[in-house]
Full PDB file with SEQRES, HELIX, SHEET, SSBOND, CRYST1, ORIGX, SCALE, CONECT and MASTER records, all heavy atoms in Angstrom:
SEQRES   1 A   39  LEU GLY SER ASP LEU SER ARG ARG ALA PRO THR LEU PHE          
SEQRES   2 A   39  ALA ALA LEU LEU ALA SER VAL THR LEU ILE ALA ALA VAL          
SEQRES   3 A   39  ARG GLN ILE LEU ILE ARG ARG PHE ASP PRO ILE PHE ASP          
HELIX    1 AA1 LEU A    5  ARG A    8  1                                   4    
HELIX    2 AA2 PRO A   10  ARG A   32  1                                  23    
HELIX    3 AA3 PHE A   34  PHE A   38  1                                   5    
CRYST1    1.000    1.000    1.000  90.00  90.00  90.00 P 1           1          
ORIGX1      1.000000  0.000000  0.000000        0.00000                         
ORIGX2      0.000000  1.000000  0.000000        0.00000                         
ORIGX3      0.000000  0.000000  1.000000        0.00000                         
SCALE1      1.000000  0.000000  0.000000        0.00000                         
SCALE2      0.000000  1.000000  0.000000        0.00000                         
SCALE3      0.000000  0.000000  1.000000        0.00000                         
ATOM      1  N   LEU A   1     -12.445 -14.795 -14.083  1.00  0.00           N  
ATOM      2  CA  LEU A   1     -13.512 -14.407 -15.005  1.00  0.00           C  
ATOM      3  C   LEU A   1     -14.142 -15.637 -15.658  1.00  0.00           C  
ATOM      4  O   LEU A   1     -15.349 -15.710 -15.824  1.00  0.00           O  
ATOM      5  CB  LEU A   1     -12.967 -13.465 -16.079  1.00  0.00           C  
ATOM      6  CG  LEU A   1     -12.575 -12.073 -15.601  1.00  0.00           C  
ATOM      7  CD1 LEU A   1     -11.867 -11.315 -16.723  1.00  0.00           C  
ATOM      8  CD2 LEU A   1     -13.771 -11.304 -15.100  1.00  0.00           C  
ATOM      9  N   GLY A   2     -13.298 -16.599 -16.018  1.00  0.00           N  
ATOM     10  CA  GLY A   2     -13.802 -17.805 -16.676  1.00  0.00           C  
ATOM     11  C   GLY A   2     -14.626 -18.695 -15.763  1.00  0.00           C  
ATOM     12  O   GLY A   2     -15.542 -19.382 -16.203  1.00  0.00           O  
ATOM     13  N   SER A   3     -14.306 -18.687 -14.479  1.00  0.00           N  
ATOM     14  CA  SER A   3     -15.047 -19.544 -13.551  1.00  0.00           C  
ATOM     15  C   SER A   3     -16.247 -18.826 -12.943  1.00  0.00           C  
ATOM     16  O   SER A   3     -16.914 -19.362 -12.072  1.00  0.00           O  
ATOM     17  CB  SER A   3     -14.127 -19.998 -12.417  1.00  0.00           C  
ATOM     18  OG  SER A   3     -13.800 -18.893 -11.596  1.00  0.00           O  
ATOM     19  N   ASP A   4     -16.488 -17.620 -13.383  1.00  0.00           N  
ATOM     20  CA  ASP A   4     -17.622 -16.830 -12.907  1.00  0.00           C  
ATOM     21  C   ASP A   4     -17.453 -16.366 -11.462  1.00  0.00           C  
ATOM     22  O   ASP A   4     -18.418 -15.946 -10.832  1.00  0.00           O  
ATOM     23  CB  ASP A   4     -18.924 -17.620 -13.066  1.00  0.00           C  
ATOM     24  CG  ASP A   4     -20.061 -16.749 -13.564  1.00  0.00           C  
ATOM     25  OD1 ASP A   4     -19.771 -15.689 -14.151  1.00  0.00           O  
ATOM     26  OD2 ASP A   4     -21.221 -17.136 -13.362  1.00  0.00           O  
ATOM     27  N   LEU A   5     -16.247 -16.464 -10.936  1.00  0.00           N  
ATOM     28  CA  LEU A   5     -15.989 -16.001  -9.565  1.00  0.00           C  
ATOM     29  C   LEU A   5     -16.201 -14.501  -9.454  1.00  0.00           C  
ATOM     30  O   LEU A   5     -16.688 -14.017  -8.437  1.00  0.00           O  
ATOM     31  CB  LEU A   5     -14.558 -16.352  -9.141  1.00  0.00           C  
ATOM     32  CG  LEU A   5     -14.144 -15.945  -7.732  1.00  0.00           C  
ATOM     33  CD1 LEU A   5     -14.995 -16.693  -6.704  1.00  0.00           C  
ATOM     34  CD2 LEU A   5     -12.672 -16.231  -7.496  1.00  0.00           C  
ATOM     35  N   SER A   6     -15.882 -13.776 -10.514  1.00  0.00           N  
ATOM     36  CA  SER A   6     -16.051 -12.324 -10.471  1.00  0.00           C  
ATOM     37  C   SER A   6     -17.516 -11.921 -10.340  1.00  0.00           C  
ATOM     38  O   SER A   6     -17.823 -10.860  -9.813  1.00  0.00           O  
ATOM     39  CB  SER A   6     -15.443 -11.685 -11.717  1.00  0.00           C  
ATOM     40  OG  SER A   6     -16.096 -12.148 -12.871  1.00  0.00           O  
ATOM     41  N   ARG A   7     -18.430 -12.770 -10.786  1.00  0.00           N  
ATOM     42  CA  ARG A   7     -19.856 -12.472 -10.679  1.00  0.00           C  
ATOM     43  C   ARG A   7     -20.456 -12.991  -9.377  1.00  0.00           C  
ATOM     44  O   ARG A   7     -21.290 -12.334  -8.765  1.00  0.00           O  
ATOM     45  CB  ARG A   7     -20.598 -13.101 -11.864  1.00  0.00           C  
ATOM     46  CG  ARG A   7     -21.542 -12.124 -12.496  1.00  0.00           C  
ATOM     47  CD  ARG A   7     -22.268 -12.703 -13.681  1.00  0.00           C  
ATOM     48  NE  ARG A   7     -21.631 -12.185 -14.888  1.00  0.00           N  
ATOM     49  CZ  ARG A   7     -21.354 -12.895 -15.952  1.00  0.00           C  
ATOM     50  NH1 ARG A   7     -21.642 -14.166 -15.994  1.00  0.00           N  
ATOM     51  NH2 ARG A   7     -20.789 -12.348 -16.991  1.00  0.00           N  
ATOM     52  N   ARG A   8     -19.997 -14.179  -8.959  1.00  0.00           N  
ATOM     53  CA  ARG A   8     -20.556 -14.786  -7.743  1.00  0.00           C  
ATOM     54  C   ARG A   8     -20.011 -14.160  -6.465  1.00  0.00           C  
ATOM     55  O   ARG A   8     -20.738 -14.029  -5.492  1.00  0.00           O  
ATOM     56  CB  ARG A   8     -20.284 -16.286  -7.725  1.00  0.00           C  
ATOM     57  CG  ARG A   8     -21.147 -17.064  -8.708  1.00  0.00           C  
ATOM     58  CD  ARG A   8     -20.927 -18.547  -8.611  1.00  0.00           C  
ATOM     59  NE  ARG A   8     -19.585 -18.845  -9.138  1.00  0.00           N  
ATOM     60  CZ  ARG A   8     -18.741 -19.728  -8.602  1.00  0.00           C  
ATOM     61  NH1 ARG A   8     -19.087 -20.409  -7.544  1.00  0.00           N  
ATOM     62  NH2 ARG A   8     -17.563 -19.941  -9.147  1.00  0.00           N  
ATOM     63  N   ALA A   9     -18.736 -13.819  -6.460  1.00  0.00           N  
ATOM     64  CA  ALA A   9     -18.103 -13.237  -5.269  1.00  0.00           C  
ATOM     65  C   ALA A   9     -17.147 -12.132  -5.715  1.00  0.00           C  
ATOM     66  O   ALA A   9     -15.925 -12.303  -5.687  1.00  0.00           O  
ATOM     67  CB  ALA A   9     -17.370 -14.313  -4.482  1.00  0.00           C  
ATOM     68  N   PRO A  10     -17.683 -10.989  -6.117  1.00  0.00           N  
ATOM     69  CA  PRO A  10     -16.825  -9.934  -6.667  1.00  0.00           C  
ATOM     70  C   PRO A  10     -15.808  -9.387  -5.659  1.00  0.00           C  
ATOM     71  O   PRO A  10     -14.693  -9.055  -6.028  1.00  0.00           O  
ATOM     72  CB  PRO A  10     -17.810  -8.849  -7.107  1.00  0.00           C  
ATOM     73  CG  PRO A  10     -19.078  -9.141  -6.412  1.00  0.00           C  
ATOM     74  CD  PRO A  10     -19.091 -10.604  -6.129  1.00  0.00           C  
ATOM     75  N   THR A  11     -16.175  -9.334  -4.396  1.00  0.00           N  
ATOM     76  CA  THR A  11     -15.246  -8.832  -3.382  1.00  0.00           C  
ATOM     77  C   THR A  11     -14.083  -9.798  -3.197  1.00  0.00           C  
ATOM     78  O   THR A  11     -12.923  -9.373  -3.125  1.00  0.00           O  
ATOM     79  CB  THR A  11     -15.973  -8.623  -2.037  1.00  0.00           C  
ATOM     80  OG1 THR A  11     -17.114  -7.788  -2.261  1.00  0.00           O  
ATOM     81  CG2 THR A  11     -15.064  -7.976  -1.023  1.00  0.00           C  
ATOM     82  N   LEU A  12     -14.389 -11.076  -3.127  1.00  0.00           N  
ATOM     83  CA  LEU A  12     -13.340 -12.082  -2.995  1.00  0.00           C  
ATOM     84  C   LEU A  12     -12.429 -12.075  -4.227  1.00  0.00           C  
ATOM     85  O   LEU A  12     -11.206 -12.131  -4.097  1.00  0.00           O  
ATOM     86  CB  LEU A  12     -13.966 -13.469  -2.813  1.00  0.00           C  
ATOM     87  CG  LEU A  12     -12.988 -14.643  -2.759  1.00  0.00           C  
ATOM     88  CD1 LEU A  12     -12.097 -14.530  -1.532  1.00  0.00           C  
ATOM     89  CD2 LEU A  12     -13.744 -15.950  -2.758  1.00  0.00           C  
ATOM     90  N   PHE A  13     -13.022 -11.986  -5.397  1.00  0.00           N  
ATOM     91  CA  PHE A  13     -12.245 -11.954  -6.626  1.00  0.00           C  
ATOM     92  C   PHE A  13     -11.331 -10.728  -6.653  1.00  0.00           C  
ATOM     93  O   PHE A  13     -10.141 -10.842  -6.993  1.00  0.00           O  
ATOM     94  CB  PHE A  13     -13.169 -11.955  -7.846  1.00  0.00           C  
ATOM     95  CG  PHE A  13     -12.446 -11.789  -9.141  1.00  0.00           C  
ATOM     96  CD1 PHE A  13     -11.605 -12.779  -9.614  1.00  0.00           C  
ATOM     97  CD2 PHE A  13     -12.603 -10.630  -9.892  1.00  0.00           C  
ATOM     98  CE1 PHE A  13     -10.930 -12.629 -10.820  1.00  0.00           C  
ATOM     99  CE2 PHE A  13     -11.933 -10.471 -11.087  1.00  0.00           C  
ATOM    100  CZ  PHE A  13     -11.098 -11.468 -11.559  1.00  0.00           C  
ATOM    101  N   ALA A  14     -11.857  -9.579  -6.302  1.00  0.00           N  
ATOM    102  CA  ALA A  14     -11.055  -8.353  -6.302  1.00  0.00           C  
ATOM    103  C   ALA A  14      -9.919  -8.439  -5.274  1.00  0.00           C  
ATOM    104  O   ALA A  14      -8.789  -8.033  -5.558  1.00  0.00           O  
ATOM    105  CB  ALA A  14     -11.943  -7.145  -6.007  1.00  0.00           C  
ATOM    106  N   ALA A  15     -10.221  -8.985  -4.098  1.00  0.00           N  
ATOM    107  CA  ALA A  15      -9.185  -9.119  -3.066  1.00  0.00           C  
ATOM    108  C   ALA A  15      -8.100 -10.104  -3.502  1.00  0.00           C  
ATOM    109  O   ALA A  15      -6.908  -9.859  -3.298  1.00  0.00           O  
ATOM    110  CB  ALA A  15      -9.816  -9.574  -1.753  1.00  0.00           C  
ATOM    111  N   LEU A  16      -8.503 -11.207  -4.098  1.00  0.00           N  
ATOM    112  CA  LEU A  16      -7.546 -12.201  -4.580  1.00  0.00           C  
ATOM    113  C   LEU A  16      -6.669 -11.619  -5.689  1.00  0.00           C  
ATOM    114  O   LEU A  16      -5.440 -11.755  -5.658  1.00  0.00           O  
ATOM    115  CB  LEU A  16      -8.291 -13.436  -5.088  1.00  0.00           C  
ATOM    116  CG  LEU A  16      -7.429 -14.564  -5.643  1.00  0.00           C  
ATOM    117  CD1 LEU A  16      -6.549 -15.148  -4.550  1.00  0.00           C  
ATOM    118  CD2 LEU A  16      -8.320 -15.644  -6.233  1.00  0.00           C  
ATOM    119  N   LEU A  17      -7.280 -10.956  -6.634  1.00  0.00           N  
ATOM    120  CA  LEU A  17      -6.531 -10.366  -7.736  1.00  0.00           C  
ATOM    121  C   LEU A  17      -5.600  -9.262  -7.235  1.00  0.00           C  
ATOM    122  O   LEU A  17      -4.445  -9.175  -7.670  1.00  0.00           O  
ATOM    123  CB  LEU A  17      -7.486  -9.828  -8.794  1.00  0.00           C  
ATOM    124  CG  LEU A  17      -6.869  -9.345 -10.098  1.00  0.00           C  
ATOM    125  CD1 LEU A  17      -6.079 -10.474 -10.762  1.00  0.00           C  
ATOM    126  CD2 LEU A  17      -7.958  -8.846 -11.040  1.00  0.00           C  
ATOM    127  N   ALA A  18      -6.078  -8.450  -6.310  1.00  0.00           N  
ATOM    128  CA  ALA A  18      -5.237  -7.378  -5.758  1.00  0.00           C  
ATOM    129  C   ALA A  18      -4.051  -7.945  -4.980  1.00  0.00           C  
ATOM    130  O   ALA A  18      -2.925  -7.455  -5.107  1.00  0.00           O  
ATOM    131  CB  ALA A  18      -6.074  -6.463  -4.859  1.00  0.00           C  
ATOM    132  N   SER A  19      -4.285  -8.988  -4.193  1.00  0.00           N  
ATOM    133  CA  SER A  19      -3.184  -9.556  -3.413  1.00  0.00           C  
ATOM    134  C   SER A  19      -2.145 -10.241  -4.308  1.00  0.00           C  
ATOM    135  O   SER A  19      -0.944 -10.094  -4.085  1.00  0.00           O  
ATOM    136  CB  SER A  19      -3.708 -10.516  -2.346  1.00  0.00           C  
ATOM    137  OG  SER A  19      -4.357 -11.614  -2.934  1.00  0.00           O  
ATOM    138  N   VAL A  20      -2.597 -10.952  -5.328  1.00  0.00           N  
ATOM    139  CA  VAL A  20      -1.654 -11.597  -6.248  1.00  0.00           C  
ATOM    140  C   VAL A  20      -0.863 -10.530  -7.016  1.00  0.00           C  
ATOM    141  O   VAL A  20       0.345 -10.666  -7.219  1.00  0.00           O  
ATOM    142  CB  VAL A  20      -2.394 -12.550  -7.209  1.00  0.00           C  
ATOM    143  CG1 VAL A  20      -1.497 -13.009  -8.338  1.00  0.00           C  
ATOM    144  CG2 VAL A  20      -2.924 -13.740  -6.447  1.00  0.00           C  
ATOM    145  N   THR A  21      -1.511  -9.460  -7.408  1.00  0.00           N  
ATOM    146  CA  THR A  21      -0.827  -8.372  -8.112  1.00  0.00           C  
ATOM    147  C   THR A  21       0.179  -7.682  -7.196  1.00  0.00           C  
ATOM    148  O   THR A  21       1.295  -7.362  -7.619  1.00  0.00           O  
ATOM    149  CB  THR A  21      -1.856  -7.358  -8.650  1.00  0.00           C  
ATOM    150  OG1 THR A  21      -2.781  -8.046  -9.501  1.00  0.00           O  
ATOM    151  CG2 THR A  21      -1.185  -6.244  -9.422  1.00  0.00           C  
ATOM    152  N   LEU A  22      -0.182  -7.482  -5.933  1.00  0.00           N  
ATOM    153  CA  LEU A  22       0.741  -6.860  -4.975  1.00  0.00           C  
ATOM    154  C   LEU A  22       1.956  -7.744  -4.735  1.00  0.00           C  
ATOM    155  O   LEU A  22       3.095  -7.262  -4.729  1.00  0.00           O  
ATOM    156  CB  LEU A  22       0.015  -6.586  -3.653  1.00  0.00           C  
ATOM    157  CG  LEU A  22       0.863  -5.962  -2.555  1.00  0.00           C  
ATOM    158  CD1 LEU A  22       1.316  -4.568  -2.963  1.00  0.00           C  
ATOM    159  CD2 LEU A  22       0.083  -5.915  -1.259  1.00  0.00           C  
ATOM    160  N   ILE A  23       1.734  -9.031  -4.560  1.00  0.00           N  
ATOM    161  CA  ILE A  23       2.852  -9.964  -4.363  1.00  0.00           C  
ATOM    162  C   ILE A  23       3.745  -9.981  -5.602  1.00  0.00           C  
ATOM    163  O   ILE A  23       4.975  -9.989  -5.493  1.00  0.00           O  
ATOM    164  CB  ILE A  23       2.330 -11.371  -4.026  1.00  0.00           C  
ATOM    165  CG1 ILE A  23       1.713 -11.376  -2.631  1.00  0.00           C  
ATOM    166  CG2 ILE A  23       3.439 -12.404  -4.111  1.00  0.00           C  
ATOM    167  CD1 ILE A  23       0.952 -12.636  -2.286  1.00  0.00           C  
ATOM    168  N   ALA A  24       3.147  -9.951  -6.780  1.00  0.00           N  
ATOM    169  CA  ALA A  24       3.930  -9.929  -8.016  1.00  0.00           C  
ATOM    170  C   ALA A  24       4.742  -8.640  -8.121  1.00  0.00           C  
ATOM    171  O   ALA A  24       5.899  -8.667  -8.566  1.00  0.00           O  
ATOM    172  CB  ALA A  24       3.009 -10.085  -9.225  1.00  0.00           C  
ATOM    173  N   ALA A  25       4.167  -7.522  -7.705  1.00  0.00           N  
ATOM    174  CA  ALA A  25       4.891  -6.249  -7.746  1.00  0.00           C  
ATOM    175  C   ALA A  25       6.076  -6.261  -6.779  1.00  0.00           C  
ATOM    176  O   ALA A  25       7.167  -5.786  -7.120  1.00  0.00           O  
ATOM    177  CB  ALA A  25       3.942  -5.098  -7.415  1.00  0.00           C  
ATOM    178  N   VAL A  26       5.878  -6.817  -5.597  1.00  0.00           N  
ATOM    179  CA  VAL A  26       6.976  -6.915  -4.630  1.00  0.00           C  
ATOM    180  C   VAL A  26       8.076  -7.820  -5.180  1.00  0.00           C  
ATOM    181  O   VAL A  26       9.266  -7.503  -5.075  1.00  0.00           O  
ATOM    182  CB  VAL A  26       6.461  -7.426  -3.259  1.00  0.00           C  
ATOM    183  CG1 VAL A  26       7.605  -7.801  -2.341  1.00  0.00           C  
ATOM    184  CG2 VAL A  26       5.577  -6.376  -2.610  1.00  0.00           C  
ATOM    185  N   ARG A  27       7.694  -8.923  -5.780  1.00  0.00           N  
ATOM    186  CA  ARG A  27       8.697  -9.821  -6.374  1.00  0.00           C  
ATOM    187  C   ARG A  27       9.453  -9.125  -7.504  1.00  0.00           C  
ATOM    188  O   ARG A  27      10.645  -9.317  -7.666  1.00  0.00           O  
ATOM    189  CB  ARG A  27       8.048 -11.095  -6.904  1.00  0.00           C  
ATOM    190  CG  ARG A  27       7.617 -12.002  -5.767  1.00  0.00           C  
ATOM    191  CD  ARG A  27       7.234 -13.351  -6.251  1.00  0.00           C  
ATOM    192  NE  ARG A  27       8.413 -14.216  -6.085  1.00  0.00           N  
ATOM    193  CZ  ARG A  27       8.601 -15.336  -6.737  1.00  0.00           C  
ATOM    194  NH1 ARG A  27       7.712 -15.744  -7.595  1.00  0.00           N  
ATOM    195  NH2 ARG A  27       9.664 -16.056  -6.526  1.00  0.00           N  
ATOM    196  N   GLN A  28       8.756  -8.313  -8.283  1.00  0.00           N  
ATOM    197  CA  GLN A  28       9.416  -7.566  -9.356  1.00  0.00           C  
ATOM    198  C   GLN A  28      10.458  -6.606  -8.783  1.00  0.00           C  
ATOM    199  O   GLN A  28      11.565  -6.497  -9.309  1.00  0.00           O  
ATOM    200  CB  GLN A  28       8.390  -6.805 -10.199  1.00  0.00           C  
ATOM    201  CG  GLN A  28       8.982  -5.974 -11.298  1.00  0.00           C  
ATOM    202  CD  GLN A  28       9.670  -6.791 -12.371  1.00  0.00           C  
ATOM    203  OE1 GLN A  28       9.420  -7.974 -12.541  1.00  0.00           O  
ATOM    204  NE2 GLN A  28      10.560  -6.171 -13.092  1.00  0.00           N  
ATOM    205  N   ILE A  29      10.112  -5.939  -7.709  1.00  0.00           N  
ATOM    206  CA  ILE A  29      11.073  -5.033  -7.052  1.00  0.00           C  
ATOM    207  C   ILE A  29      12.268  -5.827  -6.540  1.00  0.00           C  
ATOM    208  O   ILE A  29      13.417  -5.405  -6.704  1.00  0.00           O  
ATOM    209  CB  ILE A  29      10.385  -4.260  -5.911  1.00  0.00           C  
ATOM    210  CG1 ILE A  29       9.369  -3.275  -6.482  1.00  0.00           C  
ATOM    211  CG2 ILE A  29      11.412  -3.536  -5.043  1.00  0.00           C  
ATOM    212  CD1 ILE A  29       8.434  -2.685  -5.453  1.00  0.00           C  
ATOM    213  N   LEU A  30      12.013  -6.968  -5.925  1.00  0.00           N  
ATOM    214  CA  LEU A  30      13.105  -7.797  -5.406  1.00  0.00           C  
ATOM    215  C   LEU A  30      13.998  -8.323  -6.533  1.00  0.00           C  
ATOM    216  O   LEU A  30      15.212  -8.450  -6.353  1.00  0.00           O  
ATOM    217  CB  LEU A  30      12.540  -8.965  -4.588  1.00  0.00           C  
ATOM    218  CG  LEU A  30      11.887  -8.585  -3.266  1.00  0.00           C  
ATOM    219  CD1 LEU A  30      11.189  -9.803  -2.660  1.00  0.00           C  
ATOM    220  CD2 LEU A  30      12.900  -8.008  -2.301  1.00  0.00           C  
ATOM    221  N   ILE A  31      13.419  -8.615  -7.676  1.00  0.00           N  
ATOM    222  CA  ILE A  31      14.206  -9.093  -8.812  1.00  0.00           C  
ATOM    223  C   ILE A  31      15.035  -7.956  -9.397  1.00  0.00           C  
ATOM    224  O   ILE A  31      16.228  -8.101  -9.646  1.00  0.00           O  
ATOM    225  CB  ILE A  31      13.289  -9.716  -9.886  1.00  0.00           C  
ATOM    226  CG1 ILE A  31      12.671 -11.013  -9.367  1.00  0.00           C  
ATOM    227  CG2 ILE A  31      14.048  -9.956 -11.181  1.00  0.00           C  
ATOM    228  CD1 ILE A  31      11.533 -11.539 -10.223  1.00  0.00           C  
ATOM    229  N   ARG A  32      14.412  -6.808  -9.615  1.00  0.00           N  
ATOM    230  CA  ARG A  32      15.101  -5.675 -10.244  1.00  0.00           C  
ATOM    231  C   ARG A  32      16.198  -5.094  -9.364  1.00  0.00           C  
ATOM    232  O   ARG A  32      17.198  -4.626  -9.857  1.00  0.00           O  
ATOM    233  CB  ARG A  32      14.109  -4.568 -10.583  1.00  0.00           C  
ATOM    234  CG  ARG A  32      13.033  -4.986 -11.510  1.00  0.00           C  
ATOM    235  CD  ARG A  32      13.463  -5.058 -12.910  1.00  0.00           C  
ATOM    236  NE  ARG A  32      12.806  -4.035 -13.691  1.00  0.00           N  
ATOM    237  CZ  ARG A  32      13.286  -3.629 -14.833  1.00  0.00           C  
ATOM    238  NH1 ARG A  32      14.402  -4.089 -15.251  1.00  0.00           N  
ATOM    239  NH2 ARG A  32      12.651  -2.751 -15.541  1.00  0.00           N  
ATOM    240  N   ARG A  33      15.978  -5.104  -8.066  1.00  0.00           N  
ATOM    241  CA  ARG A  33      16.946  -4.513  -7.139  1.00  0.00           C  
ATOM    242  C   ARG A  33      17.685  -5.595  -6.345  1.00  0.00           C  
ATOM    243  O   ARG A  33      17.959  -5.425  -5.166  1.00  0.00           O  
ATOM    244  CB  ARG A  33      16.230  -3.542  -6.216  1.00  0.00           C  
ATOM    245  CG  ARG A  33      15.467  -2.495  -7.001  1.00  0.00           C  
ATOM    246  CD  ARG A  33      15.271  -1.157  -6.386  1.00  0.00           C  
ATOM    247  NE  ARG A  33      16.022  -0.814  -5.240  1.00  0.00           N  
ATOM    248  CZ  ARG A  33      17.123  -0.056  -5.249  1.00  0.00           C  
ATOM    249  NH1 ARG A  33      17.607   0.371  -6.385  1.00  0.00           N  
ATOM    250  NH2 ARG A  33      17.731   0.252  -4.127  1.00  0.00           N  
ATOM    251  N   PHE A  34      17.973  -6.693  -7.028  1.00  0.00           N  
ATOM    252  CA  PHE A  34      18.605  -7.833  -6.361  1.00  0.00           C  
ATOM    253  C   PHE A  34      19.910  -7.448  -5.672  1.00  0.00           C  
ATOM    254  O   PHE A  34      20.089  -7.721  -4.487  1.00  0.00           O  
ATOM    255  CB  PHE A  34      18.862  -8.967  -7.368  1.00  0.00           C  
ATOM    256  CG  PHE A  34      19.571 -10.136  -6.753  1.00  0.00           C  
ATOM    257  CD1 PHE A  34      18.861 -11.093  -6.062  1.00  0.00           C  
ATOM    258  CD2 PHE A  34      20.953 -10.265  -6.839  1.00  0.00           C  
ATOM    259  CE1 PHE A  34      19.507 -12.171  -5.470  1.00  0.00           C  
ATOM    260  CE2 PHE A  34      21.608 -11.337  -6.263  1.00  0.00           C  
ATOM    261  CZ  PHE A  34      20.886 -12.289  -5.580  1.00  0.00           C  
ATOM    262  N   ASP A  35      20.819  -6.847  -6.408  1.00  0.00           N  
ATOM    263  CA  ASP A  35      22.148  -6.555  -5.855  1.00  0.00           C  
ATOM    264  C   ASP A  35      22.108  -5.696  -4.594  1.00  0.00           C  
ATOM    265  O   ASP A  35      22.675  -6.083  -3.568  1.00  0.00           O  
ATOM    266  CB  ASP A  35      23.046  -5.922  -6.911  1.00  0.00           C  
ATOM    267  CG  ASP A  35      23.440  -6.922  -7.986  1.00  0.00           C  
ATOM    268  OD1 ASP A  35      23.648  -8.097  -7.658  1.00  0.00           O  
ATOM    269  OD2 ASP A  35      23.539  -6.515  -9.156  1.00  0.00           O  
ATOM    270  N   PRO A  36      21.464  -4.527  -4.620  1.00  0.00           N  
ATOM    271  CA  PRO A  36      21.491  -3.718  -3.387  1.00  0.00           C  
ATOM    272  C   PRO A  36      20.754  -4.356  -2.208  1.00  0.00           C  
ATOM    273  O   PRO A  36      21.192  -4.239  -1.070  1.00  0.00           O  
ATOM    274  CB  PRO A  36      20.828  -2.400  -3.785  1.00  0.00           C  
ATOM    275  CG  PRO A  36      20.331  -2.541  -5.156  1.00  0.00           C  
ATOM    276  CD  PRO A  36      20.824  -3.826  -5.718  1.00  0.00           C  
ATOM    277  N   ILE A  37      19.663  -5.054  -2.488  1.00  0.00           N  
ATOM    278  CA  ILE A  37      18.901  -5.649  -1.386  1.00  0.00           C  
ATOM    279  C   ILE A  37      19.605  -6.884  -0.847  1.00  0.00           C  
ATOM    280  O   ILE A  37      19.775  -7.031   0.365  1.00  0.00           O  
ATOM    281  CB  ILE A  37      17.459  -5.988  -1.829  1.00  0.00           C  
ATOM    282  CG1 ILE A  37      16.702  -4.709  -2.185  1.00  0.00           C  
ATOM    283  CG2 ILE A  37      16.722  -6.745  -0.720  1.00  0.00           C  
ATOM    284  CD1 ILE A  37      15.346  -4.952  -2.809  1.00  0.00           C  
ATOM    285  N   PHE A  38      20.016  -7.788  -1.727  1.00  0.00           N  
ATOM    286  CA  PHE A  38      20.634  -9.032  -1.271  1.00  0.00           C  
ATOM    287  C   PHE A  38      21.964  -8.765  -0.577  1.00  0.00           C  
ATOM    288  O   PHE A  38      22.290  -9.434   0.406  1.00  0.00           O  
ATOM    289  CB  PHE A  38      20.833 -10.001  -2.440  1.00  0.00           C  
ATOM    290  CG  PHE A  38      21.177 -11.393  -1.999  1.00  0.00           C  
ATOM    291  CD1 PHE A  38      20.162 -12.301  -1.728  1.00  0.00           C  
ATOM    292  CD2 PHE A  38      22.484 -11.798  -1.832  1.00  0.00           C  
ATOM    293  CE1 PHE A  38      20.454 -13.588  -1.300  1.00  0.00           C  
ATOM    294  CE2 PHE A  38      22.798 -13.079  -1.408  1.00  0.00           C  
ATOM    295  CZ  PHE A  38      21.774 -13.982  -1.139  1.00  0.00           C  
ATOM    296  N   ASP A  39      22.732  -7.808  -1.079  1.00  0.00           N  
ATOM    297  CA  ASP A  39      24.028  -7.519  -0.458  1.00  0.00           C  
ATOM    298  C   ASP A  39      23.880  -6.968   0.957  1.00  0.00           C  
ATOM    299  O   ASP A  39      24.704  -7.249   1.821  1.00  0.00           O  
ATOM    300  CB  ASP A  39      24.827  -6.551  -1.324  1.00  0.00           C  
ATOM    301  CG  ASP A  39      25.275  -7.194  -2.630  1.00  0.00           C  
ATOM    302  OD1 ASP A  39      25.273  -8.440  -2.716  1.00  0.00           O  
ATOM    303  OD2 ASP A  39      25.621  -6.453  -3.560  1.00  0.00           O  
TER     304      ASP A  39                                                      
MASTER        0    0    0    3    0    0    0    6  303    1    0    3          
END                                                                             
């Protein structure tokens, strides 16, 4: 938002934000369910 990417390339910004959020959600699942998954 600060670099104006959301205005210049809204599709790219949305895709980047969605992918980073998805990766963060997967990492959260891996952190929360460490024992059953890692074992």
